[in-house]
Amino acid sequence: MRIATWNVNSITARLPRLLAWLESSGTDVLCLQEAKVAEEQFPFEPLRELGYEAAVNATGRWNGVAILSRAGLEDVVKGLPGDPGYEGVQEPRAISATCGPVRVWSVYVPNGREVGHPHYAYKLEWFEALRAAVAGDAQGSRPFAVLGDYNVAPTDEDVHDVAAFEGLTHVTPAERAALASLRETGLEDVVPRPLKYDRPFTYWDYRQLCFPKNRGMRIDLVFGNQAFAKATEDAYVDREERKGKGASDHAPVVVDLDV
C-alpha cells in the first residue's frame, strides 16, 4: 500500500500536475494540505475518474485539507477535536479517515508567523489539541499515521542552515518540544530518504533560487504508530515533483507499507 502526503499550495493551480502524479505514482492514499478552495469547488469528479474518493475539510482561499483514497474511505472526521481556534475561528486544518487497513490524519499545522505573535501561541495550543486527539489511535494495534505539513523542522539537520533561522519560527525549542510531545503518544518520525543530495528536504521557498541551491527544510512529516512503522518498507521524498513550471513549493513524501 502506498501512502503519501503533499502540500499542493492550491489544488486549483496544481490540478493537472496532481492528476498526472496520481496516475504515474501508484499512490493509494494521498493526504493533501493547502487546498485553498471551498469544499463545493473541490475537483471531486476528475479524481473520481481516476478511482479516488475524496474527504475534504476546506472553506475557502486559505488552508484546507483532504484525503484522497482508492483503498476505501470510512469514519471520516472533519476538524480537530478540541481545536483552540484562531481569533474565534476554527480553521480547516485537519481531517481523518480509515482507508482500508490504515487510519490516517491529514494535518496542516499553523505556521506561527513569528515568535511572540498570537498565531505562534495558537500553533502551540493546536499541537496540544492534536496530541490529545491522536493519543488513542497512536497506542492502537491498527496502522495509524498523522501526515502533513507540520511547519516545524524536527532537528537542525532538517534545515539547510540553522543559523539562517535564528530567532524565527519552525526551529524554536517550544515547537520542537511540541513535536516531541506528539511522539510520546506512541508515534515515531518515519524519515524518508532523499532522491538527491544527503538530506530529505520537503520544502523549498520559491525565492532566491532556493530549490536549485537545495536551500530547503524538512517540515512535511509522517508520524506513525508502532504498527505503521513496522509495516513501512520504504519512504522517500519525490523531489522530481518540485521541479518545473507550476510546481508547489513542497514535494510529496511517499511511504510504502506491507499491510
C-alpha atoms as a PDB file:
ATOM      1  CA  MET A   1       0.000   0.000   0.000  1.00  0.00           C
ATOM      2  CA  ARG A   2       1.391   3.400  -0.979  1.00  0.00           C
ATOM      3  CA  ILE A   3       0.508   6.406   1.195  1.00  0.00           C
ATOM      4  CA  ALA A   4       1.715   9.961   0.618  1.00  0.00           C
ATOM      5  CA  THR A   5       1.389  13.498   1.910  1.00  0.00           C
ATOM      6  CA  TRP A   6       1.684  16.655  -0.174  1.00  0.00           C
ATOM      7  CA  ASN A   7       1.118  20.339   0.467  1.00  0.00           C
ATOM      8  CA  VAL A   8      -0.084  21.278  -3.014  1.00  0.00           C
ATOM      9  CA  ASN A   9      -0.340  25.024  -2.303  1.00  0.00           C
ATOM     10  CA  SER A  10      -3.685  25.365  -4.158  1.00  0.00           C
ATOM     11  CA  ILE A  11      -5.349  22.347  -5.695  1.00  0.00           C
ATOM     12  CA  THR A  12      -6.775  24.556  -8.444  1.00  0.00           C
ATOM     13  CA  ALA A  13      -3.336  25.735  -9.536  1.00  0.00           C
ATOM     14  CA  ARG A  14      -1.830  22.272  -9.182  1.00  0.00           C
ATOM     15  CA  LEU A  15      -4.647  20.071 -10.523  1.00  0.00           C
ATOM     16  CA  PRO A  16      -3.030  18.956 -13.817  1.00  0.00           C
ATOM     17  CA  ARG A  17       0.186  18.056 -12.004  1.00  0.00           C
ATOM     18  CA  LEU A  18      -1.736  16.334  -9.216  1.00  0.00           C
ATOM     19  CA  LEU A  19      -3.750  14.158 -11.598  1.00  0.00           C
ATOM     20  CA  ALA A  20      -0.649  13.232 -13.594  1.00  0.00           C
ATOM     21  CA  TRP A  21       1.256  12.397 -10.417  1.00  0.00           C
ATOM     22  CA  LEU A  22      -1.527  10.197  -9.092  1.00  0.00           C
ATOM     23  CA  GLU A  23      -1.592   8.272 -12.363  1.00  0.00           C
ATOM     24  CA  SER A  24       2.173   7.791 -12.508  1.00  0.00           C
ATOM     25  CA  SER A  25       2.970   7.228  -8.829  1.00  0.00           C
ATOM     26  CA  GLY A  26       0.531   4.446  -7.991  1.00  0.00           C
ATOM     27  CA  THR A  27      -0.459   6.141  -4.753  1.00  0.00           C
ATOM     28  CA  ASP A  28      -3.359   4.530  -2.878  1.00  0.00           C
ATOM     29  CA  VAL A  29      -3.928   7.231  -0.259  1.00  0.00           C
ATOM     30  CA  LEU A  30      -2.859  10.864  -0.503  1.00  0.00           C
ATOM     31  CA  CYS A  31      -3.114  13.406   2.302  1.00  0.00           C
ATOM     32  CA  LEU A  32      -3.346  16.944   0.901  1.00  0.00           C
ATOM     33  CA  GLN A  33      -2.769  20.298   2.544  1.00  0.00           C
ATOM     34  CA  GLU A  34      -3.411  23.888   1.481  1.00  0.00           C
ATOM     35  CA  ALA A  35      -6.246  23.037  -0.890  1.00  0.00           C
ATOM     36  CA  LYS A  36      -7.188  26.732  -0.879  1.00  0.00           C
ATOM     37  CA  VAL A  37     -10.713  26.154  -2.186  1.00  0.00           C
ATOM     38  CA  ALA A  38     -14.171  25.828  -0.697  1.00  0.00           C
ATOM     39  CA  GLU A  39     -15.398  22.236  -0.463  1.00  0.00           C
ATOM     40  CA  GLU A  40     -18.009  22.830  -3.176  1.00  0.00           C
ATOM     41  CA  GLN A  41     -15.199  23.847  -5.552  1.00  0.00           C
ATOM     42  CA  PHE A  42     -13.075  20.782  -4.850  1.00  0.00           C
ATOM     43  CA  PRO A  43     -12.362  18.735  -8.031  1.00  0.00           C
ATOM     44  CA  PHE A  44     -14.198  15.586  -6.963  1.00  0.00           C
ATOM     45  CA  GLU A  45     -15.110  14.443 -10.480  1.00  0.00           C
ATOM     46  CA  PRO A  46     -11.658  14.293 -12.134  1.00  0.00           C
ATOM     47  CA  LEU A  47     -10.360  12.493  -9.056  1.00  0.00           C
ATOM     48  CA  ARG A  48     -13.279  10.062  -9.165  1.00  0.00           C
ATOM     49  CA  GLU A  49     -12.445   9.325 -12.792  1.00  0.00           C
ATOM     50  CA  LEU A  50      -9.025   8.134 -11.599  1.00  0.00           C
ATOM     51  CA  GLY A  51     -10.655   5.944  -8.959  1.00  0.00           C
ATOM     52  CA  TYR A  52     -10.214   8.186  -5.921  1.00  0.00           C
ATOM     53  CA  GLU A  53     -12.786   9.100  -3.316  1.00  0.00           C
ATOM     54  CA  ALA A  54     -12.142  12.368  -1.504  1.00  0.00           C
ATOM     55  CA  ALA A  55     -12.860  13.542   2.035  1.00  0.00           C
ATOM     56  CA  VAL A  56     -12.440  17.302   2.308  1.00  0.00           C
ATOM     57  CA  ASN A  57     -12.293  19.910   5.048  1.00  0.00           C
ATOM     58  CA  ALA A  58     -11.973  23.251   3.260  1.00  0.00           C
ATOM     59  CA  THR A  59     -13.794  26.566   3.421  1.00  0.00           C
ATOM     60  CA  GLY A  60     -12.162  28.994   1.017  1.00  0.00           C
ATOM     61  CA  ARG A  61      -8.978  30.556  -0.249  1.00  0.00           C
ATOM     62  CA  TRP A  62      -6.814  29.715   2.789  1.00  0.00           C
ATOM     63  CA  ASN A  63      -5.787  26.422   4.402  1.00  0.00           C
ATOM     64  CA  GLY A  64      -7.909  23.350   3.586  1.00  0.00           C
ATOM     65  CA  VAL A  65      -7.030  19.648   3.891  1.00  0.00           C
ATOM     66  CA  ALA A  66      -8.184  16.475   2.188  1.00  0.00           C
ATOM     67  CA  ILE A  67      -7.672  12.727   1.983  1.00  0.00           C
ATOM     68  CA  LEU A  68      -7.827  11.024  -1.408  1.00  0.00           C
ATOM     69  CA  SER A  69      -8.198   7.261  -1.385  1.00  0.00           C
ATOM     70  CA  ARG A  70      -8.708   4.370  -3.766  1.00  0.00           C
ATOM     71  CA  ALA A  71      -8.489   1.944  -0.816  1.00  0.00           C
ATOM     72  CA  GLY A  72     -11.756   2.909   0.864  1.00  0.00           C
ATOM     73  CA  LEU A  73     -12.806   5.953   2.853  1.00  0.00           C
ATOM     74  CA  GLU A  74     -14.695   5.434   6.105  1.00  0.00           C
ATOM     75  CA  ASP A  75     -15.204   7.005   9.529  1.00  0.00           C
ATOM     76  CA  VAL A  76     -14.306  10.475   8.284  1.00  0.00           C
ATOM     77  CA  VAL A  77     -13.823  13.129  10.961  1.00  0.00           C
ATOM     78  CA  LYS A  78     -13.524  16.732   9.804  1.00  0.00           C
ATOM     79  CA  GLY A  79     -11.647  19.128  12.021  1.00  0.00           C
ATOM     80  CA  LEU A  80      -9.534  18.746  15.129  1.00  0.00           C
ATOM     81  CA  PRO A  81     -11.393  17.857  18.335  1.00  0.00           C
ATOM     82  CA  GLY A  82     -10.546  20.497  20.899  1.00  0.00           C
ATOM     83  CA  ASP A  83      -9.308  22.910  18.232  1.00  0.00           C
ATOM     84  CA  PRO A  84      -8.458  26.154  20.062  1.00  0.00           C
ATOM     85  CA  GLY A  85      -9.305  28.270  17.018  1.00  0.00           C
ATOM     86  CA  TYR A  86      -7.612  31.483  15.994  1.00  0.00           C
ATOM     87  CA  GLU A  87      -9.349  34.769  16.693  1.00  0.00           C
ATOM     88  CA  GLY A  88     -12.547  32.869  17.351  1.00  0.00           C
ATOM     89  CA  VAL A  89     -12.425  30.815  14.142  1.00  0.00           C
ATOM     90  CA  GLN A  90     -11.691  27.094  13.800  1.00  0.00           C
ATOM     91  CA  GLU A  91      -9.671  26.830  10.606  1.00  0.00           C
ATOM     92  CA  PRO A  92      -9.862  23.785   8.272  1.00  0.00           C
ATOM     93  CA  ARG A  93      -6.540  22.214   9.220  1.00  0.00           C
ATOM     94  CA  ALA A  94      -7.301  18.569   9.993  1.00  0.00           C
ATOM     95  CA  ILE A  95      -9.238  15.603   8.662  1.00  0.00           C
ATOM     96  CA  SER A  96      -9.026  11.896   9.445  1.00  0.00           C
ATOM     97  CA  ALA A  97     -10.318   8.737   7.798  1.00  0.00           C
ATOM     98  CA  THR A  98      -9.909   4.983   7.657  1.00  0.00           C
ATOM     99  CA  CYS A  99      -8.569   3.794   4.303  1.00  0.00           C
ATOM    100  CA  GLY A 100      -8.668   0.025   4.143  1.00  0.00           C
ATOM    101  CA  PRO A 101      -6.391  -1.356   6.886  1.00  0.00           C
ATOM    102  CA  VAL A 102      -4.913   2.045   7.807  1.00  0.00           C
ATOM    103  CA  ARG A 103      -6.234   5.114   9.601  1.00  0.00           C
ATOM    104  CA  VAL A 104      -4.680   8.445   8.672  1.00  0.00           C
ATOM    105  CA  TRP A 105      -4.873  12.116   9.540  1.00  0.00           C
ATOM    106  CA  SER A 106      -4.038  14.889   7.098  1.00  0.00           C
ATOM    107  CA  VAL A 107      -2.902  17.965   9.041  1.00  0.00           C
ATOM    108  CA  TYR A 108      -1.785  21.466   8.195  1.00  0.00           C
ATOM    109  CA  VAL A 109      -0.266  22.826  11.394  1.00  0.00           C
ATOM    110  CA  PRO A 110      -0.481  26.610  11.841  1.00  0.00           C
ATOM    111  CA  ASN A 111       2.574  28.485  10.607  1.00  0.00           C
ATOM    112  CA  GLY A 112       3.086  30.594  13.712  1.00  0.00           C
ATOM    113  CA  ARG A 113       4.197  33.653  11.716  1.00  0.00           C
ATOM    114  CA  GLU A 114       6.753  34.957  14.209  1.00  0.00           C
ATOM    115  CA  VAL A 115       7.823  34.209  17.769  1.00  0.00           C
ATOM    116  CA  GLY A 116       5.590  36.091  20.180  1.00  0.00           C
ATOM    117  CA  HIS A 117       2.796  36.573  17.650  1.00  0.00           C
ATOM    118  CA  PRO A 118      -0.688  35.378  18.709  1.00  0.00           C
ATOM    119  CA  HIS A 119      -0.501  32.886  15.814  1.00  0.00           C
ATOM    120  CA  TYR A 120       2.602  31.350  17.408  1.00  0.00           C
ATOM    121  CA  ALA A 121       0.718  30.772  20.663  1.00  0.00           C
ATOM    122  CA  TYR A 122      -2.149  29.334  18.619  1.00  0.00           C
ATOM    123  CA  LYS A 123       0.291  26.955  16.915  1.00  0.00           C
ATOM    124  CA  LEU A 124       1.472  25.549  20.243  1.00  0.00           C
ATOM    125  CA  GLU A 125      -2.112  25.227  21.519  1.00  0.00           C
ATOM    126  CA  TRP A 126      -3.076  23.483  18.283  1.00  0.00           C
ATOM    127  CA  PHE A 127      -0.292  20.953  18.815  1.00  0.00           C
ATOM    128  CA  GLU A 128      -1.638  20.224  22.315  1.00  0.00           C
ATOM    129  CA  ALA A 129      -5.088  19.567  20.878  1.00  0.00           C
ATOM    130  CA  LEU A 130      -3.610  17.305  18.193  1.00  0.00           C
ATOM    131  CA  ARG A 131      -1.718  15.323  20.798  1.00  0.00           C
ATOM    132  CA  ALA A 132      -4.885  14.726  22.792  1.00  0.00           C
ATOM    133  CA  ALA A 133      -6.885  13.814  19.683  1.00  0.00           C
ATOM    134  CA  VAL A 134      -4.493  11.151  18.349  1.00  0.00           C
ATOM    135  CA  ALA A 135      -3.303   9.563  21.593  1.00  0.00           C
ATOM    136  CA  GLY A 136      -5.789   6.701  21.481  1.00  0.00           C
ATOM    137  CA  ASP A 137      -5.073   5.631  17.895  1.00  0.00           C
ATOM    138  CA  ALA A 138      -1.338   6.070  18.464  1.00  0.00           C
ATOM    139  CA  GLN A 139      -1.462   3.291  21.069  1.00  0.00           C
ATOM    140  CA  GLY A 140      -3.674   1.027  18.967  1.00  0.00           C
ATOM    141  CA  SER A 141      -2.740  -2.104  17.037  1.00  0.00           C
ATOM    142  CA  ARG A 142      -4.080  -0.800  13.704  1.00  0.00           C
ATOM    143  CA  PRO A 143      -1.532   1.006  11.455  1.00  0.00           C
ATOM    144  CA  PHE A 144      -2.074   4.695  12.104  1.00  0.00           C
ATOM    145  CA  ALA A 145      -0.284   7.848  10.978  1.00  0.00           C
ATOM    146  CA  VAL A 146      -0.551  11.606  11.164  1.00  0.00           C
ATOM    147  CA  LEU A 147       0.763  13.014   7.889  1.00  0.00           C
ATOM    148  CA  GLY A 148       1.078  16.565   6.694  1.00  0.00           C
ATOM    149  CA  ASP A 149       2.775  19.922   6.782  1.00  0.00           C
ATOM    150  CA  TYR A 150       3.847  20.357  10.400  1.00  0.00           C
ATOM    151  CA  ASN A 151       5.600  23.692   9.873  1.00  0.00           C
ATOM    152  CA  VAL A 152       8.378  22.507  12.197  1.00  0.00           C
ATOM    153  CA  ALA A 153      11.809  21.132  11.304  1.00  0.00           C
ATOM    154  CA  PRO A 154      12.463  18.385  13.883  1.00  0.00           C
ATOM    155  CA  THR A 155      16.256  18.898  14.126  1.00  0.00           C
ATOM    156  CA  ASP A 156      18.970  21.283  12.969  1.00  0.00           C
ATOM    157  CA  GLU A 157      19.799  18.768  10.229  1.00  0.00           C
ATOM    158  CA  ASP A 158      16.326  19.319   8.795  1.00  0.00           C
ATOM    159  CA  VAL A 159      17.148  22.856   7.611  1.00  0.00           C
ATOM    160  CA  HIS A 160      19.794  23.874   5.106  1.00  0.00           C
ATOM    161  CA  ASP A 161      21.387  26.366   7.524  1.00  0.00           C
ATOM    162  CA  VAL A 162      20.055  26.624  11.053  1.00  0.00           C
ATOM    163  CA  ALA A 163      21.888  29.924  11.581  1.00  0.00           C
ATOM    164  CA  ALA A 164      19.638  31.481   8.938  1.00  0.00           C
ATOM    165  CA  PHE A 165      16.621  30.701  11.158  1.00  0.00           C
ATOM    166  CA  GLU A 166      17.914  32.228  14.371  1.00  0.00           C
ATOM    167  CA  GLY A 167      15.020  33.866  16.175  1.00  0.00           C
ATOM    168  CA  LEU A 168      12.483  32.601  13.642  1.00  0.00           C
ATOM    169  CA  THR A 169       9.678  30.067  13.835  1.00  0.00           C
ATOM    170  CA  HIS A 170       9.877  26.437  12.665  1.00  0.00           C
ATOM    171  CA  VAL A 171      13.036  25.686  14.683  1.00  0.00           C
ATOM    172  CA  THR A 172      12.307  27.047  18.171  1.00  0.00           C
ATOM    173  CA  PRO A 173      12.665  24.848  21.264  1.00  0.00           C
ATOM    174  CA  ALA A 174       8.944  25.214  22.027  1.00  0.00           C
ATOM    175  CA  GLU A 175       7.892  23.984  18.579  1.00  0.00           C
ATOM    176  CA  ARG A 176      10.301  21.060  18.705  1.00  0.00           C
ATOM    177  CA  ALA A 177       9.088  20.224  22.195  1.00  0.00           C
ATOM    178  CA  ALA A 178       5.548  20.080  20.802  1.00  0.00           C
ATOM    179  CA  LEU A 179       6.737  17.551  18.220  1.00  0.00           C
ATOM    180  CA  ALA A 180       8.482  15.516  20.898  1.00  0.00           C
ATOM    181  CA  SER A 181       5.295  15.524  22.978  1.00  0.00           C
ATOM    182  CA  LEU A 182       3.351  14.237  19.987  1.00  0.00           C
ATOM    183  CA  ARG A 183       5.850  11.407  19.516  1.00  0.00           C
ATOM    184  CA  GLU A 184       5.452  10.458  23.170  1.00  0.00           C
ATOM    185  CA  THR A 185       1.888   9.316  22.434  1.00  0.00           C
ATOM    186  CA  GLY A 186       3.436   6.316  20.649  1.00  0.00           C
ATOM    187  CA  LEU A 187       4.266   7.827  17.276  1.00  0.00           C
ATOM    188  CA  GLU A 188       7.615   7.885  15.526  1.00  0.00           C
ATOM    189  CA  ASP A 189       9.037  10.030  12.774  1.00  0.00           C
ATOM    190  CA  VAL A 190       9.140   7.959   9.565  1.00  0.00           C
ATOM    191  CA  VAL A 191      12.103   9.723   7.964  1.00  0.00           C
ATOM    192  CA  PRO A 192      12.129   9.467   4.156  1.00  0.00           C
ATOM    193  CA  ARG A 193      15.222   9.050   2.035  1.00  0.00           C
ATOM    194  CA  PRO A 194      16.181  11.848  -0.346  1.00  0.00           C
ATOM    195  CA  LEU A 195      16.270  11.119  -4.067  1.00  0.00           C
ATOM    196  CA  LYS A 196      19.125  13.624  -4.409  1.00  0.00           C
ATOM    197  CA  TYR A 197      21.653  15.195  -2.041  1.00  0.00           C
ATOM    198  CA  ASP A 198      22.098  13.957   1.506  1.00  0.00           C
ATOM    199  CA  ARG A 199      19.112  15.392   3.387  1.00  0.00           C
ATOM    200  CA  PRO A 200      15.423  14.695   2.697  1.00  0.00           C
ATOM    201  CA  PHE A 201      14.113  18.259   2.476  1.00  0.00           C
ATOM    202  CA  THR A 202      10.448  18.574   1.538  1.00  0.00           C
ATOM    203  CA  TYR A 203      10.030  22.354   1.152  1.00  0.00           C
ATOM    204  CA  TRP A 204      11.989  24.968  -0.772  1.00  0.00           C
ATOM    205  CA  ASP A 205      10.970  28.637  -0.899  1.00  0.00           C
ATOM    206  CA  TYR A 206      10.136  29.985  -4.353  1.00  0.00           C
ATOM    207  CA  ARG A 207      12.510  32.912  -3.766  1.00  0.00           C
ATOM    208  CA  GLN A 208      16.282  33.260  -4.139  1.00  0.00           C
ATOM    209  CA  LEU A 209      16.727  30.080  -6.190  1.00  0.00           C
ATOM    210  CA  CYS A 210      16.217  28.001  -3.065  1.00  0.00           C
ATOM    211  CA  PHE A 211      15.300  24.829  -4.937  1.00  0.00           C
ATOM    212  CA  PRO A 212      18.240  24.657  -7.362  1.00  0.00           C
ATOM    213  CA  LYS A 213      20.566  25.594  -4.477  1.00  0.00           C
ATOM    214  CA  ASN A 214      18.866  22.977  -2.255  1.00  0.00           C
ATOM    215  CA  ARG A 215      18.202  25.515   0.473  1.00  0.00           C
ATOM    216  CA  GLY A 216      15.302  23.562   1.904  1.00  0.00           C
ATOM    217  CA  MET A 217      13.612  22.293   5.036  1.00  0.00           C
ATOM    218  CA  ARG A 218      12.040  19.025   6.144  1.00  0.00           C
ATOM    219  CA  ILE A 219       8.674  20.132   7.513  1.00  0.00           C
ATOM    220  CA  ASP A 220       6.314  17.661   5.781  1.00  0.00           C
ATOM    221  CA  LEU A 221       6.323  14.729   8.169  1.00  0.00           C
ATOM    222  CA  VAL A 222       4.879  11.271   8.663  1.00  0.00           C
ATOM    223  CA  PHE A 223       4.349  10.302  12.302  1.00  0.00           C
ATOM    224  CA  GLY A 224       3.287   6.666  12.509  1.00  0.00           C
ATOM    225  CA  ASN A 225       2.458   4.345  15.382  1.00  0.00           C
ATOM    226  CA  GLN A 226       4.351   1.127  16.014  1.00  0.00           C
ATOM    227  CA  ALA A 227       2.181  -0.922  13.648  1.00  0.00           C
ATOM    228  CA  PHE A 228       2.613   1.653  10.873  1.00  0.00           C
ATOM    229  CA  ALA A 229       6.367   1.932  11.354  1.00  0.00           C
ATOM    230  CA  LYS A 230       6.756  -1.854  11.425  1.00  0.00           C
ATOM    231  CA  ALA A 231       4.853  -2.152   8.136  1.00  0.00           C
ATOM    232  CA  THR A 232       6.938   0.537   6.413  1.00  0.00           C
ATOM    233  CA  GLU A 233       9.108  -0.901   3.649  1.00  0.00           C
ATOM    234  CA  ASP A 234      10.320   2.362   2.108  1.00  0.00           C
ATOM    235  CA  ALA A 235       9.854   6.111   2.405  1.00  0.00           C
ATOM    236  CA  TYR A 236      11.161   8.840   0.120  1.00  0.00           C
ATOM    237  CA  VAL A 237      10.732  12.446  -0.943  1.00  0.00           C
ATOM    238  CA  ASP A 238       9.585  12.698  -4.556  1.00  0.00           C
ATOM    239  CA  ARG A 239      11.825  15.658  -5.272  1.00  0.00           C
ATOM    240  CA  GLU A 240      11.129  15.471  -9.007  1.00  0.00           C
ATOM    241  CA  GLU A 241       7.646  16.853  -8.418  1.00  0.00           C
ATOM    242  CA  ARG A 242       9.130  20.107  -7.083  1.00  0.00           C
ATOM    243  CA  LYS A 243      10.747  20.746 -10.478  1.00  0.00           C
ATOM    244  CA  GLY A 244       9.427  22.705 -13.422  1.00  0.00           C
ATOM    245  CA  LYS A 245       6.798  25.286 -14.135  1.00  0.00           C
ATOM    246  CA  GLY A 246       3.755  25.391 -11.888  1.00  0.00           C
ATOM    247  CA  ALA A 247       5.192  23.251  -9.092  1.00  0.00           C
ATOM    248  CA  SER A 248       4.165  23.533  -5.471  1.00  0.00           C
ATOM    249  CA  ASP A 249       6.892  24.734  -3.118  1.00  0.00           C
ATOM    250  CA  HIS A 250       6.549  21.360  -1.333  1.00  0.00           C
ATOM    251  CA  ALA A 251       7.364  17.880  -2.644  1.00  0.00           C
ATOM    252  CA  PRO A 252       5.325  14.753  -1.885  1.00  0.00           C
ATOM    253  CA  VAL A 253       6.549  12.399   0.839  1.00  0.00           C
ATOM    254  CA  VAL A 254       5.762   8.790  -0.097  1.00  0.00           C
ATOM    255  CA  VAL A 255       5.590   5.747   2.204  1.00  0.00           C
ATOM    256  CA  ASP A 256       5.263   2.132   1.072  1.00  0.00           C
ATOM    257  CA  LEU A 257       3.635  -0.249   3.521  1.00  0.00           C
ATOM    258  CA  ASP A 258       3.352  -4.024   3.679  1.00  0.00           C
ATOM    259  CA  VAL A 259      -0.151  -4.428   5.085  1.00  0.00           C
END
